[in-house]
Amino acid sequence: MITKDQKDNLFSLIKSLNKSEKRQFKLYVGRLDVNADSKFLNLFNVLDKANTYNEKEIVKSGVVKKQQLANVKAHLYKQILISLRLNPSHQNIRSQIREQLDFASILYHKGLYKQSLRILEKSKEVAIQHEEKNIAYEIVELEKVIESQYITRSIATRADELSIQAKELSQLNVIASKLSNLSLQLYSIILKTGYVKNEEESEQVTTYFQDRLPKYEFKNLGFREKLWLYKAHLWYSFLLQDFLNCYKYASKWVDLFHEYPNMIRLNPVFFLKGNNYLLESMFFLQNKPKFLKTLLQFEKTITDSNFPKDENVETLTFLYLNFHSINQHFIDGSFEEGLVLIPKIESNLKKFQSRIDEHHKMIFYYKFASLHFGAGNNKKCIFYLDKIISNKTLAMREDLLCFARVLNLVAHYEAGLDYHLETLLKSTYKFLIKMNDLHEVQKEMIKFIRGLQDIYPHDLKKAFINLHKKLKTYESHPYERRAFLYLDIISWLESKIENKPVAKIIQNKYLAKIT
């Protein structure tokens, strides 16, 4: 029996099809006259025209009886996938090799050993050439099976050759698997808890990384193994807030693709992600000229007509280009310029609604809020922060949730919404205690805002100066400095002390750094 989720999955799949894919599906189904008036094709037409999934309406249309619906839906789902697999736009080297392996297997089972071995030999060369070592290993294993039945004079040397090849491929596959596991595990840590918060966590992550890093000879590694190696080092560096090493390994990741340009077409998602992390590490290093040069080159590459295009690539391109288009304005405080990006991004967020997860939507909202805060639009800042704070389903990125609440407090103070402060202070403090994420920067901020109501106006500047002095000591602290990656509290305080807009303070700092 098909569950509601699966029903929704079918409807989503049909709605994801473009005109070309729909046309091909109908041609694929129509190749047999018997399908011309089939239930599953009629159901496809009904769902294609519908705006929402409504089971009662489907049954009411008469295309299928209620008791048949589950089976017809399952069959339709399968037929759409088969049709998509045959579509040239979904064909790549990986699927072509897999197809050849299937052909060779069929020939083997028919006893046509020589023909099967010929296909396998050619497919293996293509697989190794394109770093598809898992499939290459499968091919060698099938070759071994066939050679044990198809006796030739060269069987002795052939057996040795295949055994050595299988061993080498197996060893590299094990290394790649261990590195990909380590990379994924480190990525899940940063998604869940963000950067390390203290020396104890730093030691735990370092031990975790070193214990799971497999032994390898670098000269023996191919593209795939190097890619996972750089990924693992990158996530380890991000966790430790070691942004120089983040830049180093993100650069190695991107350079690897330029060393193997044919891999960009085969692995466009990894290419996109590598550039994303390269830009992110440059953002943390605050080098705007280099950042903009890399962003421009990235945009030029992915908008080229030769760059692979599909829904996944389109979604990631939207995310990364827009994240970093916003980030450039945080480097030098050009918040007003950044505000023009928001309406266009919001409009596109609706277009990509079904393809972008909640976590990434919330990152956009935090960036929108930060742009408005920097531009002095505090009520607009609160509007976007409320979308994050009120999202009860968001279980990822605790650090994002934490700083959204701290920024919310500051924005309420700046907007003069004092009557909300006491309630907000209590809920924020309670939230941070529950998260076990109350650091010195947050403690000082909450203590300061709580005490604001007892400070006389003429003593306010002195209070700002005292807080600035306390927080300045944490600016370069290996674990406390993460607070300033999300919210430039230091510049905000300086704006209050010097009576200047926070954007002007950040701009002056940036100009002083580059001159």
Protein backbone atom coordinates (compact mmCIF):
# COMPACT_ATOMS: atom_id res chain seq x y z
CA MET A 1 0.00 0.00 0.00
CA ILE A 2 1.25 3.47 -0.91
CA THR A 3 1.42 6.01 1.91
CA LYS A 4 0.37 9.64 1.69
CA ASP A 5 4.01 10.69 1.40
CA GLN A 6 4.52 8.41 -1.56
CA LYS A 7 1.39 9.81 -3.19
CA ASP A 8 2.80 13.28 -2.72
CA ASN A 9 6.10 12.05 -4.14
CA LEU A 10 4.40 10.95 -7.35
CA PHE A 11 2.61 14.30 -7.69
CA SER A 12 5.90 16.15 -7.02
CA LEU A 13 7.69 14.01 -9.61
CA ILE A 14 5.09 14.82 -12.28
CA LYS A 15 5.24 18.53 -11.42
CA SER A 16 9.04 18.48 -11.72
CA LEU A 17 8.90 17.32 -15.36
CA ASN A 18 9.63 19.87 -18.06
CA LYS A 19 7.85 19.96 -21.44
CA SER A 20 10.52 17.82 -23.12
CA GLU A 21 10.32 15.15 -20.40
CA LYS A 22 6.51 15.07 -20.53
CA ARG A 23 6.60 14.71 -24.31
CA GLN A 24 9.14 11.90 -24.10
CA PHE A 25 7.08 10.11 -21.46
CA LYS A 26 4.00 10.16 -23.69
CA LEU A 27 6.05 8.95 -26.68
CA TYR A 28 7.59 6.20 -24.52
CA VAL A 29 4.15 5.06 -23.31
CA GLY A 30 2.60 5.45 -26.77
CA ARG A 31 5.13 3.13 -28.43
CA LEU A 32 2.65 0.34 -27.63
CA ASP A 33 -0.90 0.85 -28.88
CA VAL A 34 -2.21 -1.05 -25.89
CA ASN A 35 -1.11 1.87 -23.65
CA ALA A 36 -3.05 4.51 -25.60
CA ASP A 37 -6.00 4.45 -23.20
CA SER A 38 -4.32 2.92 -20.16
CA LYS A 39 -5.30 3.85 -16.61
CA PHE A 40 -1.81 5.01 -15.63
CA LEU A 41 -1.55 7.35 -18.68
CA ASN A 42 -4.97 8.80 -17.93
CA LEU A 43 -3.94 9.28 -14.30
CA PHE A 44 -0.78 11.05 -15.48
CA ASN A 45 -2.89 13.50 -17.53
CA VAL A 46 -5.18 14.20 -14.55
CA LEU A 47 -2.26 14.84 -12.15
CA ASP A 48 -0.40 16.90 -14.74
CA LYS A 49 -3.35 19.31 -15.02
CA ALA A 50 -4.06 19.44 -11.25
CA ASN A 51 -2.67 22.22 -9.06
CA THR A 52 -2.82 20.17 -5.86
CA TYR A 53 -3.03 16.47 -5.05
CA ASN A 54 -6.64 15.54 -4.23
CA GLU A 55 -7.46 11.84 -4.08
CA LYS A 56 -11.23 12.41 -4.03
CA GLU A 57 -11.04 14.45 -7.24
CA ILE A 58 -8.96 11.73 -8.93
CA VAL A 59 -11.53 9.05 -8.12
CA LYS A 60 -14.35 11.41 -9.10
CA SER A 61 -12.72 11.93 -12.54
CA GLY A 62 -13.37 8.25 -13.29
CA VAL A 63 -9.89 7.46 -14.64
CA VAL A 64 -9.30 4.88 -11.92
CA LYS A 65 -11.29 3.18 -9.15
CA LYS A 66 -10.35 3.87 -5.54
CA GLN A 67 -9.27 0.26 -4.88
CA GLN A 68 -7.01 0.34 -7.98
CA LEU A 69 -5.41 3.73 -7.27
CA ALA A 70 -2.46 2.51 -5.19
CA ASN A 71 -1.32 0.00 -7.83
CA VAL A 72 -1.87 2.36 -10.77
CA LYS A 73 0.12 5.08 -8.98
CA ALA A 74 3.00 2.70 -8.25
CA HIS A 75 3.07 1.61 -11.92
CA LEU A 76 2.94 5.21 -13.15
CA TYR A 77 5.81 6.23 -10.84
CA LYS A 78 7.96 3.39 -12.21
CA GLN A 79 7.13 4.19 -15.86
CA ILE A 80 8.05 7.86 -15.40
CA LEU A 81 11.43 6.90 -13.92
CA ILE A 82 12.13 4.47 -16.78
CA SER A 83 11.25 7.20 -19.28
CA LEU A 84 13.54 9.71 -17.50
CA ARG A 85 16.38 7.20 -17.51
CA LEU A 86 16.08 6.97 -21.31
CA ASN A 87 16.13 10.76 -21.69
CA PRO A 88 19.48 11.96 -23.16
CA SER A 89 19.60 14.82 -20.64
CA HIS A 90 19.85 12.26 -17.81
CA GLN A 91 22.51 10.18 -19.51
CA ASN A 92 26.12 10.51 -18.38
CA ILE A 93 29.29 8.41 -18.42
CA ARG A 94 28.28 6.72 -15.17
CA SER A 95 24.90 5.57 -16.53
CA GLN A 96 26.48 4.54 -19.85
CA ILE A 97 29.06 2.34 -18.09
CA ARG A 98 26.33 0.84 -15.91
CA GLU A 99 24.29 0.08 -19.06
CA GLN A 100 27.27 -1.64 -20.69
CA LEU A 101 27.79 -3.71 -17.53
CA ASP A 102 24.15 -4.80 -17.73
CA PHE A 103 24.61 -5.75 -21.40
CA ALA A 104 27.75 -7.76 -20.57
CA SER A 105 25.89 -9.56 -17.78
CA ILE A 106 23.08 -10.53 -20.18
CA LEU A 107 25.61 -11.85 -22.72
CA TYR A 108 27.38 -13.83 -19.98
CA HIS A 109 24.12 -15.50 -18.89
CA LYS A 110 23.49 -16.43 -22.53
CA GLY A 111 26.88 -18.14 -22.62
CA LEU A 112 28.37 -15.56 -25.02
CA TYR A 113 31.53 -15.19 -22.93
CA LYS A 114 33.81 -13.66 -25.55
CA GLN A 115 31.32 -10.92 -26.44
CA SER A 116 30.73 -10.21 -22.76
CA LEU A 117 34.48 -9.93 -22.01
CA ARG A 118 34.99 -7.56 -24.94
CA ILE A 119 32.31 -5.17 -23.61
CA LEU A 120 33.68 -5.44 -20.06
CA GLU A 121 37.24 -4.60 -21.13
CA LYS A 122 36.13 -1.45 -22.95
CA SER A 123 33.80 -0.40 -20.12
CA LYS A 124 36.54 -0.92 -17.54
CA GLU A 125 38.90 1.40 -19.42
CA VAL A 126 36.21 4.10 -19.54
CA ALA A 127 35.36 3.60 -15.85
CA ILE A 128 39.00 3.92 -14.71
CA GLN A 129 39.54 6.90 -17.00
CA HIS A 130 36.57 8.66 -15.39
CA GLU A 131 37.48 7.66 -11.81
CA GLU A 132 34.43 5.38 -11.50
CA LYS A 133 36.35 2.85 -9.43
CA ASN A 134 33.37 1.23 -7.73
CA ILE A 135 31.89 0.25 -11.11
CA ALA A 136 35.39 -0.69 -12.35
CA TYR A 137 35.70 -3.07 -9.40
CA GLU A 138 32.32 -4.64 -10.24
CA ILE A 139 33.50 -5.11 -13.84
CA VAL A 140 36.72 -6.82 -12.74
CA GLU A 141 34.76 -9.13 -10.44
CA LEU A 142 32.49 -10.16 -13.35
CA GLU A 143 35.55 -10.62 -15.57
CA LYS A 144 36.99 -12.98 -12.97
CA VAL A 145 33.76 -15.02 -12.93
CA ILE A 146 33.68 -15.27 -16.74
CA GLU A 147 37.40 -16.07 -17.07
CA SER A 148 36.94 -18.97 -14.64
CA GLN A 149 34.44 -20.49 -17.11
CA TYR A 150 35.78 -19.28 -20.46
CA ILE A 151 39.16 -21.04 -20.59
CA THR A 152 41.86 -19.49 -22.77
CA ARG A 153 45.59 -20.07 -23.10
CA SER A 154 46.29 -16.80 -21.34
CA ILE A 155 44.31 -17.79 -18.25
CA ALA A 156 47.39 -17.90 -15.96
CA THR A 157 48.60 -14.37 -16.70
CA ARG A 158 45.03 -13.15 -17.04
CA ALA A 159 44.16 -14.45 -13.56
CA ASP A 160 47.16 -12.65 -12.03
CA GLU A 161 46.36 -9.47 -13.92
CA LEU A 162 42.72 -9.41 -12.79
CA SER A 163 43.63 -10.31 -9.19
CA ILE A 164 46.13 -7.43 -8.96
CA GLN A 165 43.70 -5.02 -10.57
CA ALA A 166 40.89 -6.08 -8.20
CA LYS A 167 43.19 -5.62 -5.19
CA GLU A 168 44.33 -2.13 -6.28
CA LEU A 169 40.78 -0.98 -6.99
CA SER A 170 39.54 -2.46 -3.73
CA GLN A 171 42.24 -0.64 -1.70
CA LEU A 172 41.43 2.70 -3.33
CA ASN A 173 37.69 2.11 -2.84
CA VAL A 174 38.29 1.43 0.86
CA ILE A 175 40.32 4.65 1.23
CA ALA A 176 37.65 6.64 -0.64
CA SER A 177 34.91 5.10 1.49
CA LYS A 178 36.71 5.90 4.77
CA LEU A 179 37.43 9.46 3.66
CA SER A 180 33.86 10.03 2.44
CA ASN A 181 32.52 8.63 5.76
CA LEU A 182 34.81 10.95 7.73
CA SER A 183 33.84 13.94 5.58
CA LEU A 184 30.13 13.22 6.02
CA GLN A 185 30.47 12.71 9.79
CA LEU A 186 32.34 16.01 10.22
CA TYR A 187 29.76 17.80 8.05
CA SER A 188 26.93 16.45 10.23
CA ILE A 189 28.70 17.78 13.36
CA ILE A 190 28.99 21.30 11.92
CA LEU A 191 25.34 21.24 10.79
CA LYS A 192 24.17 20.16 14.23
CA THR A 193 26.34 22.22 16.57
CA GLY A 194 28.40 24.63 14.46
CA TYR A 195 32.00 25.42 15.33
CA VAL A 196 33.80 23.96 18.37
CA LYS A 197 33.01 25.95 21.50
CA ASN A 198 35.93 25.18 23.81
CA GLU A 199 39.25 23.37 24.19
CA GLU A 200 37.53 20.13 25.19
CA GLU A 201 35.42 20.05 22.01
CA SER A 202 38.48 20.99 19.94
CA GLU A 203 40.41 18.03 21.33
CA GLN A 204 37.45 15.71 20.78
CA VAL A 205 37.11 16.74 17.12
CA THR A 206 40.88 16.47 16.54
CA THR A 207 40.98 12.97 18.07
CA TYR A 208 37.88 11.99 16.08
CA PHE A 209 39.51 13.25 12.85
CA GLN A 210 42.93 11.68 13.40
CA ASP A 211 41.52 8.31 14.50
CA ARG A 212 39.40 8.01 11.35
CA LEU A 213 41.83 9.42 8.78
CA PRO A 214 43.01 6.37 6.80
CA LYS A 215 46.65 5.73 5.93
CA TYR A 216 47.47 6.48 2.30
CA GLU A 217 50.25 7.20 -0.17
CA PHE A 218 49.35 10.51 -1.80
CA LYS A 219 51.02 9.58 -5.11
CA ASN A 220 48.66 6.57 -5.39
CA LEU A 221 45.50 8.62 -4.95
CA GLY A 222 43.33 9.47 -7.93
CA PHE A 223 40.85 12.30 -8.39
CA ARG A 224 38.13 10.72 -6.27
CA GLU A 225 40.34 9.90 -3.27
CA LYS A 226 41.95 13.38 -3.32
CA LEU A 227 38.51 15.00 -3.48
CA TRP A 228 37.32 13.21 -0.33
CA LEU A 229 40.65 13.90 1.39
CA TYR A 230 40.32 17.66 0.77
CA LYS A 231 36.68 17.58 1.87
CA ALA A 232 37.52 15.89 5.17
CA HIS A 233 40.33 18.40 5.87
CA LEU A 234 38.04 21.28 4.93
CA TRP A 235 35.30 20.28 7.40
CA TYR A 236 37.86 19.66 10.12
CA SER A 237 39.29 23.16 9.52
CA PHE A 238 35.81 24.74 9.52
CA LEU A 239 34.97 23.08 12.84
CA LEU A 240 38.14 24.55 14.38
CA GLN A 241 37.51 27.97 12.77
CA ASP A 242 40.89 27.63 11.07
CA PHE A 243 39.90 29.70 8.05
CA LEU A 244 43.36 29.79 6.48
CA ASN A 245 43.32 26.02 6.23
CA CYS A 246 39.70 26.18 5.03
CA TYR A 247 40.94 28.39 2.19
CA LYS A 248 43.88 26.04 1.55
CA TYR A 249 41.76 22.89 1.20
CA ALA A 250 38.88 24.58 -0.64
CA SER A 251 41.48 25.89 -3.14
CA LYS A 252 42.92 22.38 -3.52
CA TRP A 253 39.37 21.06 -4.07
CA VAL A 254 38.61 23.59 -6.85
CA ASP A 255 42.08 23.26 -8.41
CA LEU A 256 41.59 19.50 -8.57
CA PHE A 257 38.63 20.01 -10.92
CA HIS A 258 40.67 22.32 -13.12
CA GLU A 259 43.38 19.63 -13.20
CA TYR A 260 40.72 17.09 -14.29
CA PRO A 261 38.32 19.30 -16.32
CA ASN A 262 36.29 16.33 -17.61
CA MET A 263 35.25 15.71 -13.98
CA ILE A 264 33.30 18.99 -13.89
CA ARG A 265 30.74 17.56 -16.32
CA LEU A 266 30.56 14.25 -14.46
CA ASN A 267 30.47 15.77 -10.94
CA PRO A 268 29.00 19.30 -11.30
CA VAL A 269 27.56 19.26 -7.76
CA PHE A 270 30.98 18.68 -6.17
CA PHE A 271 32.44 21.43 -8.36
CA LEU A 272 29.72 23.85 -7.20
CA LYS A 273 30.20 22.93 -3.54
CA GLY A 274 33.98 23.36 -3.76
CA ASN A 275 33.56 26.88 -5.13
CA ASN A 276 30.98 27.62 -2.43
CA TYR A 277 33.40 26.69 0.36
CA LEU A 278 36.24 28.57 -1.34
CA LEU A 279 34.11 31.73 -1.39
CA GLU A 280 32.96 31.12 2.20
CA SER A 281 36.54 30.81 3.48
CA MET A 282 37.50 33.99 1.56
CA PHE A 283 34.55 35.75 3.17
CA PHE A 284 35.80 34.78 6.65
CA LEU A 285 39.28 36.01 5.68
CA GLN A 286 37.65 39.32 4.60
CA ASN A 287 39.57 39.70 1.34
CA LYS A 288 36.99 41.43 -0.88
CA PRO A 289 39.05 41.92 -4.10
CA LYS A 290 40.01 38.23 -4.14
CA PHE A 291 36.47 37.27 -3.12
CA LEU A 292 34.89 39.25 -5.99
CA LYS A 293 37.40 37.90 -8.53
CA THR A 294 36.59 34.31 -7.48
CA LEU A 295 32.83 35.01 -7.47
CA LEU A 296 33.03 36.49 -10.99
CA GLN A 297 35.02 33.50 -12.28
CA PHE A 298 32.58 31.09 -10.62
CA GLU A 299 29.59 32.85 -12.19
CA LYS A 300 31.29 32.86 -15.60
CA THR A 301 31.96 29.11 -15.42
CA ILE A 302 28.49 28.02 -14.33
CA THR A 303 26.64 30.27 -16.79
CA ASP A 304 28.69 28.91 -19.70
CA SER A 305 26.58 26.93 -22.19
CA ASN A 306 28.83 23.87 -21.72
CA PHE A 307 28.25 23.66 -17.98
CA PRO A 308 25.89 20.77 -17.05
CA LYS A 309 22.30 21.80 -16.42
CA ASP A 310 19.65 20.01 -14.37
CA GLU A 311 17.26 20.86 -11.52
CA ASN A 312 19.79 20.01 -8.81
CA VAL A 313 22.53 22.11 -10.43
CA GLU A 314 20.07 24.95 -10.97
CA THR A 315 19.07 24.94 -7.28
CA LEU A 316 22.65 24.88 -5.97
CA THR A 317 23.67 27.61 -8.42
CA PHE A 318 20.81 29.77 -7.10
CA LEU A 319 21.84 29.14 -3.47
CA TYR A 320 25.56 29.73 -3.84
CA LEU A 321 25.47 32.74 -6.16
CA ASN A 322 22.94 34.52 -3.94
CA PHE A 323 24.57 33.61 -0.61
CA HIS A 324 27.85 35.09 -1.79
CA SER A 325 26.30 38.04 -3.60
CA ILE A 326 24.95 39.00 -0.14
CA ASN A 327 28.16 38.12 1.71
CA GLN A 328 30.23 40.63 -0.26
CA HIS A 329 28.26 43.45 1.40
CA PHE A 330 29.11 42.24 4.91
CA ILE A 331 32.85 42.48 4.19
CA ASP A 332 32.88 46.25 3.65
CA GLY A 333 29.57 47.31 5.22
CA SER A 334 27.82 48.19 1.93
CA PHE A 335 24.46 47.12 3.41
CA GLU A 336 22.29 49.60 1.48
CA GLU A 337 23.63 48.21 -1.81
CA GLY A 338 22.88 44.69 -0.59
CA LEU A 339 19.22 45.44 0.16
CA VAL A 340 18.35 45.53 -3.57
CA LEU A 341 19.12 41.78 -3.74
CA ILE A 342 16.40 40.80 -1.26
CA PRO A 343 13.19 41.19 -3.38
CA LYS A 344 14.65 39.21 -6.30
CA ILE A 345 15.93 36.42 -4.03
CA GLU A 346 12.59 36.23 -2.19
CA SER A 347 10.78 35.91 -5.51
CA ASN A 348 13.08 33.08 -6.59
CA LEU A 349 12.72 31.36 -3.21
CA LYS A 350 9.08 30.76 -4.14
CA LYS A 351 10.18 29.25 -7.46
CA PHE A 352 12.59 26.88 -5.70
CA GLN A 353 10.27 26.26 -2.74
CA SER A 354 10.02 22.50 -3.24
CA ARG A 355 13.77 22.10 -3.78
CA ILE A 356 15.29 24.20 -0.97
CA ASP A 357 15.23 22.82 2.58
CA GLU A 358 14.22 24.82 5.66
CA HIS A 359 17.81 25.16 6.85
CA HIS A 360 18.92 27.05 3.73
CA LYS A 361 15.78 29.22 3.75
CA MET A 362 16.59 30.25 7.33
CA ILE A 363 20.17 31.15 6.33
CA PHE A 364 18.72 33.51 3.71
CA TYR A 365 16.41 35.05 6.33
CA TYR A 366 19.33 35.58 8.72
CA LYS A 367 21.31 37.28 5.95
CA PHE A 368 18.30 39.46 5.04
CA ALA A 369 17.90 40.40 8.71
CA SER A 370 21.61 41.24 9.02
CA LEU A 371 21.53 43.42 5.88
CA HIS A 372 18.56 45.37 7.25
CA PHE A 373 20.22 45.68 10.69
CA GLY A 374 23.38 47.03 9.07
CA ALA A 375 21.29 49.50 7.05
CA GLY A 376 19.46 50.65 10.21
CA ASN A 377 16.10 49.06 9.29
CA ASN A 378 15.54 47.40 12.66
CA LYS A 379 11.85 46.54 12.27
CA LYS A 380 12.58 44.83 8.95
CA CYS A 381 15.44 43.00 10.68
CA ILE A 382 13.00 41.78 13.38
CA PHE A 383 10.52 40.69 10.67
CA TYR A 384 13.04 38.26 9.13
CA LEU A 385 14.42 37.06 12.47
CA ASP A 386 10.91 36.15 13.56
CA LYS A 387 10.71 33.71 10.61
CA ILE A 388 13.70 31.86 12.14
CA ILE A 389 12.72 32.09 15.82
CA SER A 390 9.11 31.02 15.21
CA ASN A 391 10.17 28.05 13.04
CA LYS A 392 9.55 25.10 15.38
CA THR A 393 10.70 22.49 12.82
CA LEU A 394 14.25 23.82 12.52
CA ALA A 395 16.46 21.30 14.32
CA MET A 396 19.74 22.16 12.62
CA ARG A 397 22.43 24.78 13.15
CA GLU A 398 22.01 25.60 16.82
CA ASP A 399 24.48 28.47 16.45
CA LEU A 400 22.26 30.11 13.80
CA LEU A 401 19.26 29.90 16.15
CA CYS A 402 21.34 31.31 19.00
CA PHE A 403 22.59 34.40 17.16
CA ALA A 404 19.22 35.05 15.57
CA ARG A 405 17.88 35.51 19.12
CA VAL A 406 20.78 37.71 20.24
CA LEU A 407 20.44 39.92 17.13
CA ASN A 408 16.69 40.04 17.80
CA LEU A 409 17.37 41.52 21.26
CA VAL A 410 19.70 44.17 19.84
CA ALA A 411 17.28 45.05 17.01
CA HIS A 412 14.40 45.47 19.50
CA TYR A 413 16.56 47.78 21.60
CA GLU A 414 17.59 49.80 18.53
CA ALA A 415 13.97 50.01 17.30
CA GLY A 416 12.91 51.40 20.69
CA LEU A 417 10.61 48.44 21.37
CA ASP A 418 11.51 48.44 25.07
CA TYR A 419 8.18 46.96 26.20
CA HIS A 420 9.20 43.65 24.57
CA LEU A 421 12.72 43.49 26.01
CA GLU A 422 12.02 41.88 29.39
CA THR A 423 10.02 39.02 27.81
CA LEU A 424 12.63 38.60 25.07
CA LEU A 425 15.49 38.56 27.58
CA LYS A 426 13.84 35.77 29.56
CA SER A 427 13.03 33.63 26.50
CA THR A 428 16.50 34.15 24.98
CA TYR A 429 18.29 33.33 28.23
CA LYS A 430 16.11 30.24 28.70
CA PHE A 431 16.79 29.14 25.11
CA LEU A 432 20.58 29.55 25.41
CA ILE A 433 20.73 27.72 28.75
CA LYS A 434 18.74 24.86 27.22
CA MET A 435 21.16 24.75 24.27
CA ASN A 436 24.18 24.70 26.57
CA ASP A 437 25.55 27.38 24.27
CA LEU A 438 25.86 30.32 26.64
CA HIS A 439 29.29 31.82 25.99
CA GLU A 440 30.98 34.85 27.41
CA VAL A 441 29.94 37.10 24.51
CA GLN A 442 26.26 36.15 24.87
CA LYS A 443 26.43 36.43 28.66
CA GLU A 444 27.87 39.94 28.47
CA MET A 445 25.32 41.00 25.83
CA ILE A 446 22.34 39.74 27.85
CA LYS A 447 23.69 41.27 31.08
CA PHE A 448 24.18 44.58 29.27
CA ILE A 449 20.72 44.72 27.65
CA ARG A 450 19.07 43.64 30.91
CA GLY A 451 20.77 46.53 32.69
CA LEU A 452 19.90 49.16 30.08
CA GLN A 453 16.62 50.06 31.74
CA ASP A 454 18.48 51.08 34.93
CA ILE A 455 21.04 53.29 33.16
CA TYR A 456 20.52 57.06 33.04
CA PRO A 457 20.75 58.50 29.48
CA HIS A 458 23.91 60.49 30.30
CA ASP A 459 25.63 57.27 31.48
CA LEU A 460 24.72 55.30 28.36
CA LYS A 461 27.88 56.06 26.39
CA LYS A 462 30.02 54.95 29.34
CA ALA A 463 28.09 51.64 29.47
CA PHE A 464 28.72 51.08 25.75
CA ILE A 465 32.45 51.79 26.24
CA ASN A 466 32.67 49.29 29.15
CA LEU A 467 30.93 46.55 27.17
CA HIS A 468 33.13 47.26 24.13
CA LYS A 469 36.24 46.91 26.31
CA LYS A 470 35.04 43.54 27.66
CA LEU A 471 34.03 42.12 24.26
CA LYS A 472 37.16 43.34 22.48
CA THR A 473 39.18 40.79 24.47
CA TYR A 474 37.14 37.99 22.84
CA GLU A 475 37.54 39.19 19.25
CA SER A 476 40.58 36.98 18.61
CA HIS A 477 39.69 34.26 21.11
CA PRO A 478 39.79 30.85 19.32
CA TYR A 479 36.33 29.83 20.59
CA GLU A 480 34.54 33.05 21.57
CA ARG A 481 35.29 34.81 18.26
CA ARG A 482 32.64 32.71 16.49
CA ALA A 483 30.04 35.10 17.92
CA PHE A 484 31.44 37.86 15.72
CA LEU A 485 31.14 35.74 12.56
CA TYR A 486 27.36 35.97 12.81
CA LEU A 487 26.91 39.37 14.41
CA ASP A 488 29.49 42.18 14.43
CA ILE A 489 28.69 43.33 17.98
CA ILE A 490 32.02 45.20 18.26
CA SER A 491 31.19 47.47 15.30
CA TRP A 492 27.67 48.01 16.61
CA LEU A 493 29.07 49.17 19.96
CA GLU A 494 31.56 51.45 18.22
CA SER A 495 28.66 52.94 16.24
CA LYS A 496 26.90 53.76 19.54
CA ILE A 497 30.08 55.18 21.10
CA GLU A 498 31.01 57.31 18.04
CA ASN A 499 27.38 58.11 17.18
CA LYS A 500 27.81 56.87 13.59
CA PRO A 501 25.85 54.30 11.55
CA VAL A 502 27.19 50.76 11.98
CA ALA A 503 27.68 50.55 8.18
CA LYS A 504 30.04 53.54 8.34
CA ILE A 505 32.08 51.94 11.14
CA ILE A 506 32.52 48.70 9.14
CA GLN A 507 33.36 50.63 5.95
CA ASN A 508 36.04 52.66 7.76
CA LYS A 509 37.56 49.50 9.26
CA TYR A 510 37.64 47.85 5.84
CA LEU A 511 39.26 50.89 4.17
CA ALA A 512 41.85 51.11 6.96
CA LYS A 513 42.71 47.42 6.45
CA ILE A 514 43.24 47.65 2.67
CA THR A 515 45.15 50.96 2.60
